[in-house]
């Protein structure tokens, strides 16, 4: 069961993803592993395509306080080359 202190982060991340989908967000999303995150969360952290962001809680999360990850939208900058995403 998730630690109550992290429930707002999960809800906010869900709202970010829903808004990205609704707005057909042109950018990517970043999964951020919070301080003290477990190995599974640290491995999942990074830049992801909007449609491929891992769900929270991250599968395999072993944090005794609950998954410490959150999701943020990334706005592409027009005059910069695309960022290389990590591949699974």
C-alpha atoms as a PDB file:
ATOM      1  CA  UNK A   1       0.000   0.000   0.000  1.00  0.00           C
ATOM      2  CA  UNK A   2       1.277   3.479  -0.826  1.00  0.00           C
ATOM      3  CA  UNK A   3       2.463   5.749   1.921  1.00  0.00           C
ATOM      4  CA  UNK A   4      -0.169   8.489   2.427  1.00  0.00           C
ATOM      5  CA  UNK A   5       2.402  11.261   1.942  1.00  0.00           C
ATOM      6  CA  UNK A   6       2.976  10.145  -1.656  1.00  0.00           C
ATOM      7  CA  UNK A   7      -0.675   9.868  -2.689  1.00  0.00           C
ATOM      8  CA  UNK A   8      -0.807  13.532  -3.885  1.00  0.00           C
ATOM      9  CA  UNK A   9       2.212  12.938  -6.147  1.00  0.00           C
ATOM     10  CA  UNK A  10       0.496   9.986  -7.807  1.00  0.00           C
ATOM     11  CA  UNK A  11      -2.724  11.957  -8.280  1.00  0.00           C
ATOM     12  CA  UNK A  12      -0.827  14.934  -9.719  1.00  0.00           C
ATOM     13  CA  UNK A  13       1.108  12.679 -12.091  1.00  0.00           C
ATOM     14  CA  UNK A  14      -2.143  11.089 -13.276  1.00  0.00           C
ATOM     15  CA  UNK A  15      -3.585  14.571 -13.924  1.00  0.00           C
ATOM     16  CA  UNK A  16      -0.441  15.563 -15.862  1.00  0.00           C
ATOM     17  CA  UNK A  17      -0.770  12.508 -18.119  1.00  0.00           C
ATOM     18  CA  UNK A  18      -4.501  13.074 -18.624  1.00  0.00           C
ATOM     19  CA  UNK A  19      -3.891  16.707 -19.579  1.00  0.00           C
ATOM     20  CA  UNK A  20      -1.080  15.716 -21.967  1.00  0.00           C
ATOM     21  CA  UNK A  21      -3.416  13.272 -23.689  1.00  0.00           C
ATOM     22  CA  UNK A  22      -6.339  15.706 -23.819  1.00  0.00           C
ATOM     23  CA  UNK A  23      -4.143  18.481 -25.255  1.00  0.00           C
ATOM     24  CA  UNK A  24      -2.354  16.082 -27.617  1.00  0.00           C
ATOM     25  CA  UNK A  25       0.880  17.332 -26.052  1.00  0.00           C
ATOM     26  CA  UNK A  26       3.658  17.511 -28.641  1.00  0.00           C
ATOM     27  CA  UNK A  27       6.409  16.902 -26.123  1.00  0.00           C
ATOM     28  CA  UNK A  28       7.620  14.045 -24.012  1.00  0.00           C
ATOM     29  CA  UNK A  29       7.296  13.342 -20.326  1.00  0.00           C
ATOM     30  CA  UNK A  30       9.932  12.741 -17.717  1.00  0.00           C
ATOM     31  CA  UNK A  31       9.551  10.220 -14.933  1.00  0.00           C
ATOM     32  CA  UNK A  32      11.376  11.594 -11.898  1.00  0.00           C
ATOM     33  CA  UNK A  33      12.519   9.233  -9.151  1.00  0.00           C
ATOM     34  CA  UNK A  34      12.253  11.005  -5.809  1.00  0.00           C
ATOM     35  CA  UNK A  35      14.946  11.126  -3.159  1.00  0.00           C
ATOM     36  CA  UNK A  36      15.517   7.690  -1.687  1.00  0.00           C
ATOM     37  CA  UNK A  37      13.795   5.924  -4.592  1.00  0.00           C
ATOM     38  CA  UNK A  38      14.300   2.193  -4.986  1.00  0.00           C
ATOM     39  CA  UNK A  39      16.350   0.585  -7.764  1.00  0.00           C
ATOM     40  CA  UNK A  40      13.290  -0.150  -9.933  1.00  0.00           C
ATOM     41  CA  UNK A  41      12.242   3.504  -9.827  1.00  0.00           C
ATOM     42  CA  UNK A  42      15.756   4.771 -10.543  1.00  0.00           C
ATOM     43  CA  UNK A  43      15.928   2.415 -13.530  1.00  0.00           C
ATOM     44  CA  UNK A  44      12.574   3.651 -14.905  1.00  0.00           C
ATOM     45  CA  UNK A  45      13.414   7.334 -14.410  1.00  0.00           C
ATOM     46  CA  UNK A  46      14.148   9.452 -17.463  1.00  0.00           C
ATOM     47  CA  UNK A  47      12.652  10.860 -20.621  1.00  0.00           C
ATOM     48  CA  UNK A  48       9.800   8.909 -22.209  1.00  0.00           C
ATOM     49  CA  UNK A  49       7.411   9.393 -25.103  1.00  0.00           C
ATOM     50  CA  UNK A  50       4.069  10.644 -23.792  1.00  0.00           C
ATOM     51  CA  UNK A  51       2.394   7.338 -24.664  1.00  0.00           C
ATOM     52  CA  UNK A  52       5.124   5.217 -23.046  1.00  0.00           C
ATOM     53  CA  UNK A  53       5.533   6.747 -19.583  1.00  0.00           C
ATOM     54  CA  UNK A  54       5.613   3.999 -16.955  1.00  0.00           C
ATOM     55  CA  UNK A  55       2.624   3.832 -14.631  1.00  0.00           C
ATOM     56  CA  UNK A  56       2.936   4.975 -11.048  1.00  0.00           C
ATOM     57  CA  UNK A  57       3.564   3.109  -8.872  1.00  0.00           C
ATOM     58  CA  UNK A  58       6.439   1.836 -10.974  1.00  0.00           C
ATOM     59  CA  UNK A  59       6.277  -1.912 -11.526  1.00  0.00           C
ATOM     60  CA  UNK A  60       8.670  -3.609  -9.116  1.00  0.00           C
ATOM     61  CA  UNK A  61       8.830  -0.655  -6.702  1.00  0.00           C
ATOM     62  CA  UNK A  62      10.191  -1.817  -3.364  1.00  0.00           C
ATOM     63  CA  UNK A  63      10.053   1.419  -1.378  1.00  0.00           C
ATOM     64  CA  UNK A  64       8.670   0.791   2.105  1.00  0.00           C
ATOM     65  CA  UNK A  65       7.104   4.281   1.958  1.00  0.00           C
ATOM     66  CA  UNK A  66       5.457   3.734  -1.434  1.00  0.00           C
ATOM     67  CA  UNK A  67       6.531   4.731  -4.923  1.00  0.00           C
ATOM     68  CA  UNK A  68       8.390   8.045  -4.823  1.00  0.00           C
ATOM     69  CA  UNK A  69       8.151   8.886  -8.524  1.00  0.00           C
ATOM     70  CA  UNK A  70       6.264  11.620 -10.295  1.00  0.00           C
ATOM     71  CA  UNK A  71       5.725  12.685 -13.898  1.00  0.00           C
ATOM     72  CA  UNK A  72       6.325  16.062 -15.512  1.00  0.00           C
ATOM     73  CA  UNK A  73       5.583  17.273 -19.035  1.00  0.00           C
ATOM     74  CA  UNK A  74       8.482  18.387 -21.228  1.00  0.00           C
ATOM     75  CA  UNK A  75       7.868  21.082 -23.796  1.00  0.00           C
ATOM     76  CA  UNK A  76       9.976  20.714 -26.951  1.00  0.00           C
ATOM     77  CA  UNK A  77      12.127  23.694 -27.916  1.00  0.00           C
ATOM     78  CA  UNK A  78      11.785  24.506 -31.627  1.00  0.00           C
ATOM     79  CA  UNK A  79      15.419  25.373 -32.337  1.00  0.00           C
ATOM     80  CA  UNK A  80      17.043  22.469 -30.481  1.00  0.00           C
ATOM     81  CA  UNK A  81      17.628  18.989 -31.906  1.00  0.00           C
ATOM     82  CA  UNK A  82      15.389  16.225 -30.496  1.00  0.00           C
ATOM     83  CA  UNK A  83      16.581  14.538 -27.313  1.00  0.00           C
ATOM     84  CA  UNK A  84      17.471  10.869 -27.612  1.00  0.00           C
ATOM     85  CA  UNK A  85      15.103   8.791 -25.472  1.00  0.00           C
ATOM     86  CA  UNK A  86      16.176   5.727 -23.604  1.00  0.00           C
ATOM     87  CA  UNK A  87      15.020   2.558 -25.307  1.00  0.00           C
ATOM     88  CA  UNK A  88      13.675  -0.466 -23.506  1.00  0.00           C
END
